[in-house]
Protein backbone atom coordinates (compact mmCIF):
# COMPACT_ATOMS: atom_id res chain seq x y z
CA MET A 1 53.38 13.18 46.99
CA ILE A 2 51.79 11.27 49.95
CA ARG A 3 52.23 12.18 53.71
CA LYS A 4 50.59 11.89 56.78
CA ILE A 5 47.75 14.23 57.33
CA LYS A 6 48.46 16.79 60.10
CA VAL A 7 45.79 18.80 62.47
CA THR A 8 46.30 21.63 60.79
CA ASP A 9 44.90 19.57 57.20
CA TYR A 10 41.43 19.30 58.98
CA PRO A 11 39.86 22.59 57.80
CA ARG A 12 41.55 21.29 54.21
CA LEU A 13 40.18 17.84 54.64
CA ILE A 14 36.71 19.04 55.70
CA GLU A 15 36.54 21.19 52.21
CA ILE A 16 37.58 17.85 50.18
CA TRP A 17 34.94 15.73 52.13
CA GLU A 18 32.31 18.23 51.36
CA SER A 19 33.63 18.54 47.47
CA ALA A 20 33.86 14.58 46.94
CA VAL A 21 30.57 13.79 49.00
CA LEU A 22 28.16 16.51 47.26
CA SER A 23 29.12 15.20 43.73
CA THR A 24 28.93 11.60 44.73
CA HIS A 25 26.39 10.63 47.38
CA ASP A 26 22.95 12.37 45.43
CA PHE A 27 21.39 9.51 47.94
CA LEU A 28 22.21 11.73 51.71
CA LYS A 29 19.74 13.95 53.44
CA GLU A 30 21.27 17.46 54.32
CA GLU A 31 20.46 17.00 58.07
CA ASP A 32 23.02 13.48 58.00
CA PHE A 33 25.44 15.37 55.70
CA LEU A 34 25.58 18.16 58.06
CA TYR A 35 25.93 15.65 60.71
CA TYR A 36 28.45 13.76 59.65
CA LYS A 37 30.17 17.48 58.69
CA GLU A 38 30.53 18.37 61.84
CA GLN A 39 31.54 15.06 63.29
CA LEU A 40 34.95 15.16 60.91
CA PRO A 41 37.21 16.42 63.10
CA VAL A 42 36.41 14.65 66.06
CA TYR A 43 36.87 11.63 64.14
CA PHE A 44 39.92 12.87 62.20
CA GLN A 45 41.74 12.37 65.71
CA TYR A 46 41.25 8.92 66.35
CA VAL A 47 42.32 7.44 62.84
CA ILE A 48 45.61 7.31 60.86
CA LEU A 49 44.68 9.96 57.41
CA PHE A 50 47.34 10.05 54.36
CA GLY A 51 46.96 13.01 52.22
CA PHE A 52 47.62 13.28 48.44
CA GLU A 53 49.42 16.22 47.36
CA GLN A 54 49.58 17.39 43.73
CA GLU A 55 51.83 20.77 42.95
CA GLY A 56 52.15 21.25 47.11
CA ILE A 57 47.83 21.87 46.79
CA LEU A 58 46.40 18.79 49.10
CA ILE A 59 43.62 17.11 46.80
CA GLY A 60 42.94 13.64 48.32
CA PHE A 61 42.95 12.15 51.36
CA MET A 62 42.85 8.68 52.45
CA ARG A 63 42.13 6.03 54.85
CA ILE A 64 44.55 2.75 55.58
CA ALA A 65 43.79 -0.15 58.39
CA GLU A 66 45.06 -3.66 58.20
CA GLY A 67 46.30 -3.11 55.07
CA ASN A 68 43.27 -2.17 53.11
CA LEU A 69 41.79 1.32 51.74
CA GLU A 70 39.25 2.22 53.92
CA MET A 71 38.06 5.87 52.69
CA LEU A 72 39.29 7.88 49.92
CA PHE A 73 37.89 11.05 48.99
CA ILE A 74 39.06 13.63 46.46
CA THR A 75 38.15 16.86 45.68
CA ASN A 76 35.96 17.40 42.87
CA ASN A 77 38.33 20.00 40.98
CA TYR A 78 40.12 16.59 40.11
């Protein structure tokens, strides 16, 4: 099920982001990774995000802007 993200989802979004980035962004320096991770809760406040739940568990999230998929993160477990 796709649904709009709530503020209470932010900790889970960070877990998903971390899992996805560690699996796919091997070019990212650790200091940059830590910087972006710290900034995520602030960034989330300014964008509309949607999440994907499977069996009641949030496993991914995305941002759509002007009809375009701008970001997509899915936990590495899926």
